Amino acid sequence: MASYGLTHFFKGGTKDQYDNVRAVVHPDGGKGLPAGQTYHAAGPTRDGFIVVAIWDSKASYEKFRDETLLPGFEKVDDGLPAPPVETTFEIHNEQTA
């Protein structure tokens, strides 16, 4: 299976909103990675907040999205503005240090 990447951009999103969502949708209160996710980075932009994630497969991401992420957004009072602008891609090249 090919690795699968995505970005989620939340216009107007903040670090606090991101932390609120992550605490609900990531294991260990936001400290761990969901099953199938191999990389996660996030940070503020000039007009919002962006999340970058790498998954072991598209199927792993879709399972997380449908069973955890979308229901999780509904549980958070002060979460990121949804839906995000999503960009997805099959990983062509992946290098690590």
PDB file of N, CA and C in Angstrom:
ATOM      1  N   MET A   1       0.821  -1.184   0.000  1.00  0.00           N
ATOM      2  CA  MET A   1       0.000   0.000   0.000  1.00  0.00           C
ATOM      3  C   MET A   1       0.863   1.245   0.000  1.00  0.00           C
ATOM      4  N   ALA A   2       0.435   2.224  -0.734  1.00  0.00           N
ATOM      5  CA  ALA A   2       1.152   3.487  -0.784  1.00  0.00           C
ATOM      6  C   ALA A   2       0.764   4.357   0.402  1.00  0.00           C
ATOM      7  N   SER A   3       1.731   5.095   0.891  1.00  0.00           N
ATOM      8  CA  SER A   3       1.422   6.068   1.938  1.00  0.00           C
ATOM      9  C   SER A   3       0.511   7.147   1.366  1.00  0.00           C
ATOM     10  N   TYR A   4      -0.224   7.789   2.251  1.00  0.00           N
ATOM     11  CA  TYR A   4      -1.230   8.766   1.865  1.00  0.00           C
ATOM     12  C   TYR A   4      -1.021  10.014   2.701  1.00  0.00           C
ATOM     13  N   GLY A   5      -0.978  11.171   2.062  1.00  0.00           N
ATOM     14  CA  GLY A   5      -0.769  12.415   2.779  1.00  0.00           C
ATOM     15  C   GLY A   5      -1.939  13.356   2.641  1.00  0.00           C
ATOM     16  N   LEU A   6      -2.032  14.265   3.598  1.00  0.00           N
ATOM     17  CA  LEU A   6      -3.089  15.270   3.512  1.00  0.00           C
ATOM     18  C   LEU A   6      -2.701  16.508   4.294  1.00  0.00           C
ATOM     19  N   THR A   7      -3.311  17.605   3.891  1.00  0.00           N
ATOM     20  CA  THR A   7      -3.282  18.825   4.683  1.00  0.00           C
ATOM     21  C   THR A   7      -4.722  19.232   4.940  1.00  0.00           C
ATOM     22  N   HIS A   8      -4.938  19.762   6.113  1.00  0.00           N
ATOM     23  CA  HIS A   8      -6.222  20.374   6.465  1.00  0.00           C
ATOM     24  C   HIS A   8      -5.926  21.814   6.866  1.00  0.00           C
ATOM     25  N   PHE A   9      -6.537  22.753   6.165  1.00  0.00           N
ATOM     26  CA  PHE A   9      -6.383  24.167   6.500  1.00  0.00           C
ATOM     27  C   PHE A   9      -7.697  24.677   7.079  1.00  0.00           C
ATOM     28  N   PHE A  10      -7.599  25.269   8.258  1.00  0.00           N
ATOM     29  CA  PHE A  10      -8.759  25.814   8.961  1.00  0.00           C
ATOM     30  C   PHE A  10      -8.641  27.329   8.989  1.00  0.00           C
ATOM     31  N   LYS A  11      -9.336  27.997   8.078  1.00  0.00           N
ATOM     32  CA  LYS A  11      -9.288  29.471   8.019  1.00  0.00           C
ATOM     33  C   LYS A  11      -9.824  30.038   9.331  1.00  0.00           C
ATOM     34  N   GLY A  12      -9.029  30.894   9.949  1.00  0.00           N
ATOM     35  CA  GLY A  12      -9.416  31.509  11.210  1.00  0.00           C
ATOM     36  C   GLY A  12      -9.176  30.624  12.423  1.00  0.00           C
ATOM     37  N   GLY A  13      -8.664  29.413  12.204  1.00  0.00           N
ATOM     38  CA  GLY A  13      -8.414  28.503  13.318  1.00  0.00           C
ATOM     39  C   GLY A  13      -7.260  28.958  14.192  1.00  0.00           C
ATOM     40  N   THR A  14      -7.280  28.526  15.445  1.00  0.00           N
ATOM     41  CA  THR A  14      -6.245  28.922  16.401  1.00  0.00           C
ATOM     42  C   THR A  14      -5.595  27.698  17.038  1.00  0.00           C
ATOM     43  N   LYS A  15      -4.460  27.925  17.686  1.00  0.00           N
ATOM     44  CA  LYS A  15      -3.750  26.872  18.397  1.00  0.00           C
ATOM     45  C   LYS A  15      -4.628  26.273  19.485  1.00  0.00           C
ATOM     46  N   ASP A  16      -5.319  27.111  20.233  1.00  0.00           N
ATOM     47  CA  ASP A  16      -6.179  26.609  21.314  1.00  0.00           C
ATOM     48  C   ASP A  16      -7.295  25.722  20.764  1.00  0.00           C
ATOM     49  N   GLN A  17      -7.911  26.135  19.668  1.00  0.00           N
ATOM     50  CA  GLN A  17      -8.952  25.310  19.056  1.00  0.00           C
ATOM     51  C   GLN A  17      -8.380  23.975  18.595  1.00  0.00           C
ATOM     52  N   TYR A  18      -7.201  24.001  17.987  1.00  0.00           N
ATOM     53  CA  TYR A  18      -6.534  22.776  17.551  1.00  0.00           C
ATOM     54  C   TYR A  18      -6.279  21.864  18.750  1.00  0.00           C
ATOM     55  N   ASP A  19      -5.732  22.422  19.825  1.00  0.00           N
ATOM     56  CA  ASP A  19      -5.445  21.617  21.016  1.00  0.00           C
ATOM     57  C   ASP A  19      -6.717  20.997  21.584  1.00  0.00           C
ATOM     58  N   ASN A  20      -7.828  21.716  21.540  1.00  0.00           N
ATOM     59  CA  ASN A  20      -9.106  21.187  22.019  1.00  0.00           C
ATOM     60  C   ASN A  20      -9.545  19.973  21.202  1.00  0.00           C
ATOM     61  N   VAL A  21      -9.414  20.066  19.891  1.00  0.00           N
ATOM     62  CA  VAL A  21      -9.814  18.958  19.015  1.00  0.00           C
ATOM     63  C   VAL A  21      -8.860  17.779  19.174  1.00  0.00           C
ATOM     64  N   ARG A  22      -7.568  18.058  19.156  1.00  0.00           N
ATOM     65  CA  ARG A  22      -6.569  16.988  19.250  1.00  0.00           C
ATOM     66  C   ARG A  22      -6.738  16.172  20.526  1.00  0.00           C
ATOM     67  N   ALA A  23      -7.076  16.821  21.621  1.00  0.00           N
ATOM     68  CA  ALA A  23      -7.264  16.116  22.891  1.00  0.00           C
ATOM     69  C   ALA A  23      -8.397  15.095  22.809  1.00  0.00           C
ATOM     70  N   VAL A  24      -9.351  15.315  21.905  1.00  0.00           N
ATOM     71  CA  VAL A  24     -10.498  14.411  21.768  1.00  0.00           C
ATOM     72  C   VAL A  24     -10.248  13.334  20.718  1.00  0.00           C
ATOM     73  N   VAL A  25      -9.582  13.675  19.617  1.00  0.00           N
ATOM     74  CA  VAL A  25      -9.491  12.733  18.497  1.00  0.00           C
ATOM     75  C   VAL A  25      -8.193  11.935  18.438  1.00  0.00           C
ATOM     76  N   HIS A  26      -7.169  12.344  19.168  1.00  0.00           N
ATOM     77  CA  HIS A  26      -5.914  11.582  19.199  1.00  0.00           C
ATOM     78  C   HIS A  26      -5.842  10.780  20.494  1.00  0.00           C
ATOM     79  N   PRO A  27      -5.218   9.598  20.455  1.00  0.00           N
ATOM     80  CA  PRO A  27      -5.092   8.770  21.661  1.00  0.00           C
ATOM     81  C   PRO A  27      -4.314   9.488  22.765  1.00  0.00           C
ATOM     82  N   ASP A  28      -4.509   9.022  23.979  1.00  0.00           N
ATOM     83  CA  ASP A  28      -3.786   9.542  25.151  1.00  0.00           C
ATOM     84  C   ASP A  28      -3.977  11.042  25.329  1.00  0.00           C
ATOM     85  N   GLY A  29      -5.199  11.507  25.142  1.00  0.00           N
ATOM     86  CA  GLY A  29      -5.491  12.925  25.336  1.00  0.00           C
ATOM     87  C   GLY A  29      -4.759  13.840  24.378  1.00  0.00           C
ATOM     88  N   GLY A  30      -4.437  13.328  23.197  1.00  0.00           N
ATOM     89  CA  GLY A  30      -3.785  14.139  22.188  1.00  0.00           C
ATOM     90  C   GLY A  30      -2.286  13.920  22.083  1.00  0.00           C
ATOM     91  N   LYS A  31      -1.739  13.041  22.909  1.00  0.00           N
ATOM     92  CA  LYS A  31      -0.289  12.824  22.906  1.00  0.00           C
ATOM     93  C   LYS A  31       0.159  11.757  21.919  1.00  0.00           C
ATOM     94  N   GLY A  32      -0.739  10.854  21.522  1.00  0.00           N
ATOM     95  CA  GLY A  32      -0.385   9.767  20.614  1.00  0.00           C
ATOM     96  C   GLY A  32      -0.914   9.996  19.216  1.00  0.00           C
ATOM     97  N   LEU A  33      -0.534   9.093  18.323  1.00  0.00           N
ATOM     98  CA  LEU A  33      -1.039   9.128  16.951  1.00  0.00           C
ATOM     99  C   LEU A  33      -2.113   8.062  16.770  1.00  0.00           C
ATOM    100  N   PRO A  34      -3.145   8.359  16.002  1.00  0.00           N
ATOM    101  CA  PRO A  34      -4.154   7.352  15.708  1.00  0.00           C
ATOM    102  C   PRO A  34      -3.551   6.180  14.933  1.00  0.00           C
ATOM    103  N   ALA A  35      -4.183   5.037  15.014  1.00  0.00           N
ATOM    104  CA  ALA A  35      -3.729   3.858  14.269  1.00  0.00           C
ATOM    105  C   ALA A  35      -3.632   4.191  12.790  1.00  0.00           C
ATOM    106  N   GLY A  36      -2.481   3.900  12.192  1.00  0.00           N
ATOM    107  CA  GLY A  36      -2.269   4.145  10.772  1.00  0.00           C
ATOM    108  C   GLY A  36      -1.617   5.472  10.447  1.00  0.00           C
ATOM    109  N   GLN A  37      -1.628   6.421  11.380  1.00  0.00           N
ATOM    110  CA  GLN A  37      -0.984   7.708  11.111  1.00  0.00           C
ATOM    111  C   GLN A  37       0.491   7.597  11.487  1.00  0.00           C
ATOM    112  N   THR A  38       1.382   7.965  10.556  1.00  0.00           N
ATOM    113  CA  THR A  38       2.814   7.829  10.794  1.00  0.00           C
ATOM    114  C   THR A  38       3.505   9.161  11.041  1.00  0.00           C
ATOM    115  N   TYR A  39       2.834  10.267  10.740  1.00  0.00           N
ATOM    116  CA  TYR A  39       3.425  11.595  10.909  1.00  0.00           C
ATOM    117  C   TYR A  39       2.315  12.600  11.110  1.00  0.00           C
ATOM    118  N   HIS A  40       2.578  13.571  11.978  1.00  0.00           N
ATOM    119  CA  HIS A  40       1.593  14.619  12.237  1.00  0.00           C
ATOM    120  C   HIS A  40       2.352  15.891  12.595  1.00  0.00           C
ATOM    121  N   ALA A  41       2.020  16.975  11.938  1.00  0.00           N
ATOM    122  CA  ALA A  41       2.567  18.289  12.266  1.00  0.00           C
ATOM    123  C   ALA A  41       1.453  19.314  12.102  1.00  0.00           C
ATOM    124  N   ALA A  42       1.509  20.355  12.911  1.00  0.00           N
ATOM    125  CA  ALA A  42       0.467  21.375  12.829  1.00  0.00           C
ATOM    126  C   ALA A  42       1.021  22.700  13.319  1.00  0.00           C
ATOM    127  N   GLY A  43       0.451  23.783  12.802  1.00  0.00           N
ATOM    128  CA  GLY A  43       0.888  25.090  13.257  1.00  0.00           C
ATOM    129  C   GLY A  43       0.067  26.208  12.659  1.00  0.00           C
ATOM    130  N   PRO A  44       0.242  27.399  13.254  1.00  0.00           N
ATOM    131  CA  PRO A  44      -0.504  28.560  12.774  1.00  0.00           C
ATOM    132  C   PRO A  44       0.034  29.080  11.454  1.00  0.00           C
ATOM    133  N   THR A  45      -0.864  29.650  10.663  1.00  0.00           N
ATOM    134  CA  THR A  45      -0.500  30.391   9.455  1.00  0.00           C
ATOM    135  C   THR A  45      -0.958  31.826   9.661  1.00  0.00           C
ATOM    136  N   ARG A  46      -0.715  32.673   8.696  1.00  0.00           N
ATOM    137  CA  ARG A  46      -1.117  34.079   8.895  1.00  0.00           C
ATOM    138  C   ARG A  46      -2.628  34.251   8.982  1.00  0.00           C
ATOM    139  N   ASP A  47      -3.397  33.292   8.443  1.00  0.00           N
ATOM    140  CA  ASP A  47      -4.851  33.461   8.465  1.00  0.00           C
ATOM    141  C   ASP A  47      -5.600  32.215   8.942  1.00  0.00           C
ATOM    142  N   GLY A  48      -4.915  31.367   9.707  1.00  0.00           N
ATOM    143  CA  GLY A  48      -5.603  30.178  10.211  1.00  0.00           C
ATOM    144  C   GLY A  48      -4.645  29.182  10.823  1.00  0.00           C
ATOM    145  N   PHE A  49      -4.973  27.919  10.659  1.00  0.00           N
ATOM    146  CA  PHE A  49      -4.187  26.834  11.249  1.00  0.00           C
ATOM    147  C   PHE A  49      -4.140  25.680  10.263  1.00  0.00           C
ATOM    148  N   ILE A  50      -2.978  25.040  10.125  1.00  0.00           N
ATOM    149  CA  ILE A  50      -2.835  23.946   9.169  1.00  0.00           C
ATOM    150  C   ILE A  50      -2.340  22.683   9.873  1.00  0.00           C
ATOM    151  N   VAL A  51      -2.858  21.553   9.414  1.00  0.00           N
ATOM    152  CA  VAL A  51      -2.449  20.246   9.901  1.00  0.00           C
ATOM    153  C   VAL A  51      -1.923  19.458   8.710  1.00  0.00           C
ATOM    154  N   VAL A  52      -0.773  18.805   8.898  1.00  0.00           N
ATOM    155  CA  VAL A  52      -0.171  17.946   7.879  1.00  0.00           C
ATOM    156  C   VAL A  52      -0.073  16.546   8.482  1.00  0.00           C
ATOM    157  N   ALA A  53      -0.591  15.550   7.780  1.00  0.00           N
ATOM    158  CA  ALA A  53      -0.554  14.179   8.296  1.00  0.00           C
ATOM    159  C   ALA A  53      -0.179  13.208   7.194  1.00  0.00           C
ATOM    160  N   ILE A  54       0.567  12.188   7.585  1.00  0.00           N
ATOM    161  CA  ILE A  54       0.912  11.087   6.685  1.00  0.00           C
ATOM    162  C   ILE A  54       0.316   9.821   7.283  1.00  0.00           C
ATOM    163  N   TRP A  55      -0.329   9.052   6.433  1.00  0.00           N
ATOM    164  CA  TRP A  55      -0.998   7.819   6.839  1.00  0.00           C
ATOM    165  C   TRP A  55      -0.395   6.640   6.090  1.00  0.00           C
ATOM    166  N   ASP A  56      -0.502   5.457   6.670  1.00  0.00           N
ATOM    167  CA  ASP A  56       0.019   4.275   5.981  1.00  0.00           C
ATOM    168  C   ASP A  56      -0.828   3.902   4.770  1.00  0.00           C
ATOM    169  N   SER A  57      -2.073   4.384   4.713  1.00  0.00           N
ATOM    170  CA  SER A  57      -2.941   4.133   3.563  1.00  0.00           C
ATOM    171  C   SER A  57      -4.126   5.090   3.585  1.00  0.00           C
ATOM    172  N   LYS A  58      -4.747   5.239   2.444  1.00  0.00           N
ATOM    173  CA  LYS A  58      -5.964   6.048   2.352  1.00  0.00           C
ATOM    174  C   LYS A  58      -7.067   5.430   3.205  1.00  0.00           C
ATOM    175  N   ALA A  59      -7.144   4.098   3.217  1.00  0.00           N
ATOM    176  CA  ALA A  59      -8.175   3.406   4.002  1.00  0.00           C
ATOM    177  C   ALA A  59      -8.036   3.710   5.493  1.00  0.00           C
ATOM    178  N   SER A  60      -6.807   3.763   6.001  1.00  0.00           N
ATOM    179  CA  SER A  60      -6.591   4.086   7.418  1.00  0.00           C
ATOM    180  C   SER A  60      -7.102   5.484   7.733  1.00  0.00           C
ATOM    181  N   TYR A  61      -6.783   6.440   6.849  1.00  0.00           N
ATOM    182  CA  TYR A  61      -7.271   7.799   7.063  1.00  0.00           C
ATOM    183  C   TYR A  61      -8.791   7.855   7.034  1.00  0.00           C
ATOM    184  N   GLU A  62      -9.405   7.227   6.049  1.00  0.00           N
ATOM    185  CA  GLU A  62     -10.859   7.281   5.926  1.00  0.00           C
ATOM    186  C   GLU A  62     -11.549   6.656   7.147  1.00  0.00           C
ATOM    187  N   LYS A  63     -10.992   5.592   7.680  1.00  0.00           N
ATOM    188  CA  LYS A  63     -11.547   4.968   8.896  1.00  0.00           C
ATOM    189  C   LYS A  63     -11.463   5.953  10.063  1.00  0.00           C
ATOM    190  N   PHE A  64     -10.301   6.584  10.237  1.00  0.00           N
ATOM    191  CA  PHE A  64     -10.135   7.583  11.297  1.00  0.00           C
ATOM    192  C   PHE A  64     -11.094   8.755  11.094  1.00  0.00           C
ATOM    193  N   ARG A  65     -11.166   9.244   9.865  1.00  0.00           N
ATOM    194  CA  ARG A  65     -12.046  10.386   9.558  1.00  0.00           C
ATOM    195  C   ARG A  65     -13.493  10.073   9.919  1.00  0.00           C
ATOM    196  N   ASP A  66     -13.967   8.917   9.462  1.00  0.00           N
ATOM    197  CA  ASP A  66     -15.379   8.587   9.623  1.00  0.00           C
ATOM    198  C   ASP A  66     -15.748   8.160  11.038  1.00  0.00           C
ATOM    199  N   GLU A  67     -14.838   7.445  11.715  1.00  0.00           N
ATOM    200  CA  GLU A  67     -15.167   6.889  13.029  1.00  0.00           C
ATOM    201  C   GLU A  67     -14.716   7.749  14.206  1.00  0.00           C
ATOM    202  N   THR A  68     -13.718   8.637  13.973  1.00  0.00           N
ATOM    203  CA  THR A  68     -13.163   9.396  15.096  1.00  0.00           C
ATOM    204  C   THR A  68     -13.164  10.898  14.862  1.00  0.00           C
ATOM    205  N   LEU A  69     -12.597  11.340  13.733  1.00  0.00           N
ATOM    206  CA  LEU A  69     -12.412  12.770  13.516  1.00  0.00           C
ATOM    207  C   LEU A  69     -13.735  13.528  13.394  1.00  0.00           C
ATOM    208  N   LEU A  70     -14.581  13.107  12.472  1.00  0.00           N
ATOM    209  CA  LEU A  70     -15.845  13.835  12.287  1.00  0.00           C
ATOM    210  C   LEU A  70     -16.725  13.790  13.529  1.00  0.00           C
ATOM    211  N   PRO A  71     -16.902  12.610  14.160  1.00  0.00           N
ATOM    212  CA  PRO A  71     -17.665  12.609  15.418  1.00  0.00           C
ATOM    213  C   PRO A  71     -16.982  13.444  16.509  1.00  0.00           C
ATOM    214  N   GLY A  72     -15.641  13.467  16.514  1.00  0.00           N
ATOM    215  CA  GLY A  72     -14.911  14.242  17.510  1.00  0.00           C
ATOM    216  C   GLY A  72     -15.152  15.731  17.391  1.00  0.00           C
ATOM    217  N   PHE A  73     -15.221  16.240  16.161  1.00  0.00           N
ATOM    218  CA  PHE A  73     -15.503  17.657  15.958  1.00  0.00           C
ATOM    219  C   PHE A  73     -16.821  18.048  16.626  1.00  0.00           C
ATOM    220  N   GLU A  74     -17.791  17.173  16.578  1.00  0.00           N
ATOM    221  CA  GLU A  74     -19.105  17.469  17.156  1.00  0.00           C
ATOM    222  C   GLU A  74     -19.070  17.505  18.678  1.00  0.00           C
ATOM    223  N   LYS A  75     -18.074  16.874  19.298  1.00  0.00           N
ATOM    224  CA  LYS A  75     -17.970  16.806  20.760  1.00  0.00           C
ATOM    225  C   LYS A  75     -17.233  17.995  21.368  1.00  0.00           C
ATOM    226  N   VAL A  76     -16.549  18.788  20.543  1.00  0.00           N
ATOM    227  CA  VAL A  76     -15.711  19.871  21.046  1.00  0.00           C
ATOM    228  C   VAL A  76     -16.455  21.192  20.927  1.00  0.00           C
ATOM    229  N   ASP A  77     -16.602  21.881  22.070  1.00  0.00           N
ATOM    230  CA  ASP A  77     -17.314  23.157  22.062  1.00  0.00           C
ATOM    231  C   ASP A  77     -16.521  24.258  21.354  1.00  0.00           C
ATOM    232  N   ASP A  78     -15.250  24.385  21.668  1.00  0.00           N
ATOM    233  CA  ASP A  78     -14.437  25.439  21.064  1.00  0.00           C
ATOM    234  C   ASP A  78     -13.369  24.790  20.201  1.00  0.00           C
ATOM    235  N   GLY A  79     -13.807  24.169  19.089  1.00  0.00           N
ATOM    236  CA  GLY A  79     -12.894  23.482  18.186  1.00  0.00           C
ATOM    237  C   GLY A  79     -12.620  24.284  16.939  1.00  0.00           C
ATOM    238  N   LEU A  80     -11.830  23.716  16.081  1.00  0.00           N
ATOM    239  CA  LEU A  80     -11.490  24.361  14.813  1.00  0.00           C
ATOM    240  C   LEU A  80     -12.727  24.533  13.934  1.00  0.00           C
ATOM    241  N   PRO A  81     -12.764  25.621  13.163  1.00  0.00           N
ATOM    242  CA  PRO A  81     -13.897  25.830  12.256  1.00  0.00           C
ATOM    243  C   PRO A  81     -13.889  24.772  11.146  1.00  0.00           C
ATOM    244  N   ALA A  82     -14.965  24.066  11.043  1.00  0.00           N
ATOM    245  CA  ALA A  82     -15.057  22.978  10.055  1.00  0.00           C
ATOM    246  C   ALA A  82     -16.093  23.358   9.003  1.00  0.00           C
ATOM    247  N   PRO A  83     -16.003  22.801   7.838  1.00  0.00           N
ATOM    248  CA  PRO A  83     -15.004  21.836   7.399  1.00  0.00           C
ATOM    249  C   PRO A  83     -13.726  22.541   6.965  1.00  0.00           C
ATOM    250  N   PRO A  84     -12.591  21.841   7.031  1.00  0.00           N
ATOM    251  CA  PRO A  84     -11.342  22.436   6.564  1.00  0.00           C
ATOM    252  C   PRO A  84     -11.233  22.349   5.046  1.00  0.00           C
ATOM    253  N   VAL A  85     -10.312  23.120   4.511  1.00  0.00           N
ATOM    254  CA  VAL A  85      -9.911  22.935   3.116  1.00  0.00           C
ATOM    255  C   VAL A  85      -8.943  21.756   3.131  1.00  0.00           C
ATOM    256  N   GLU A  86      -9.295  20.700   2.426  1.00  0.00           N
ATOM    257  CA  GLU A  86      -8.498  19.475   2.447  1.00  0.00           C
ATOM    258  C   GLU A  86      -7.769  19.290   1.123  1.00  0.00           C
ATOM    259  N   THR A  87      -6.489  18.973   1.213  1.00  0.00           N
ATOM    260  CA  THR A  87      -5.694  18.582   0.059  1.00  0.00           C
ATOM    261  C   THR A  87      -5.106  17.217   0.368  1.00  0.00           C
ATOM    262  N   THR A  88      -5.316  16.248  -0.522  1.00  0.00           N
ATOM    263  CA  THR A  88      -4.805  14.897  -0.312  1.00  0.00           C
ATOM    264  C   THR A  88      -3.873  14.513  -1.449  1.00  0.00           C
ATOM    265  N   PHE A  89      -2.979  13.556  -1.175  1.00  0.00           N
ATOM    266  CA  PHE A  89      -2.033  13.132  -2.204  1.00  0.00           C
ATOM    267  C   PHE A  89      -1.452  11.768  -1.858  1.00  0.00           C
ATOM    268  N   GLU A  90      -1.182  10.995  -2.901  1.00  0.00           N
ATOM    269  CA  GLU A  90      -0.435   9.750  -2.742  1.00  0.00           C
ATOM    270  C   GLU A  90       1.035  10.138  -2.603  1.00  0.00           C
ATOM    271  N   ILE A  91       1.735   9.511  -1.675  1.00  0.00           N
ATOM    272  CA  ILE A  91       3.133   9.844  -1.448  1.00  0.00           C
ATOM    273  C   ILE A  91       3.984   9.273  -2.594  1.00  0.00           C
ATOM    274  N   HIS A  92       4.679  10.153  -3.281  1.00  0.00           N
ATOM    275  CA  HIS A  92       5.587   9.758  -4.349  1.00  0.00           C
ATOM    276  C   HIS A  92       6.980   9.490  -3.788  1.00  0.00           C
ATOM    277  N   ASN A  93       7.417  10.340  -2.862  1.00  0.00           N
ATOM    278  CA  ASN A  93       8.739  10.210  -2.273  1.00  0.00           C
ATOM    279  C   ASN A  93       8.654  10.633  -0.817  1.00  0.00           C
ATOM    280  N   GLU A  94       9.243   9.837   0.055  1.00  0.00           N
ATOM    281  CA  GLU A  94       9.238  10.148   1.484  1.00  0.00           C
ATOM    282  C   GLU A  94      10.645   9.914   2.010  1.00  0.00           C
ATOM    283  N   GLN A  95      11.222  10.947   2.617  1.00  0.00           N
ATOM    284  CA  GLN A  95      12.568  10.840   3.164  1.00  0.00           C
ATOM    285  C   GLN A  95      12.533  11.275   4.626  1.00  0.00           C
ATOM    286  N   THR A  96      13.334  10.624   5.427  1.00  0.00           N
ATOM    287  CA  THR A  96      13.453  11.013   6.826  1.00  0.00           C
ATOM    288  C   THR A  96      14.925  11.157   7.164  1.00  0.00           C
ATOM    289  N   ALA A  97      15.195  11.868   8.229  1.00  0.00           N
ATOM    290  CA  ALA A  97      16.581  12.091   8.653  1.00  0.00           C
ATOM    291  C   ALA A  97      17.166  10.831   9.257  1.00  0.00           C
TER     292      ALA A  97
END
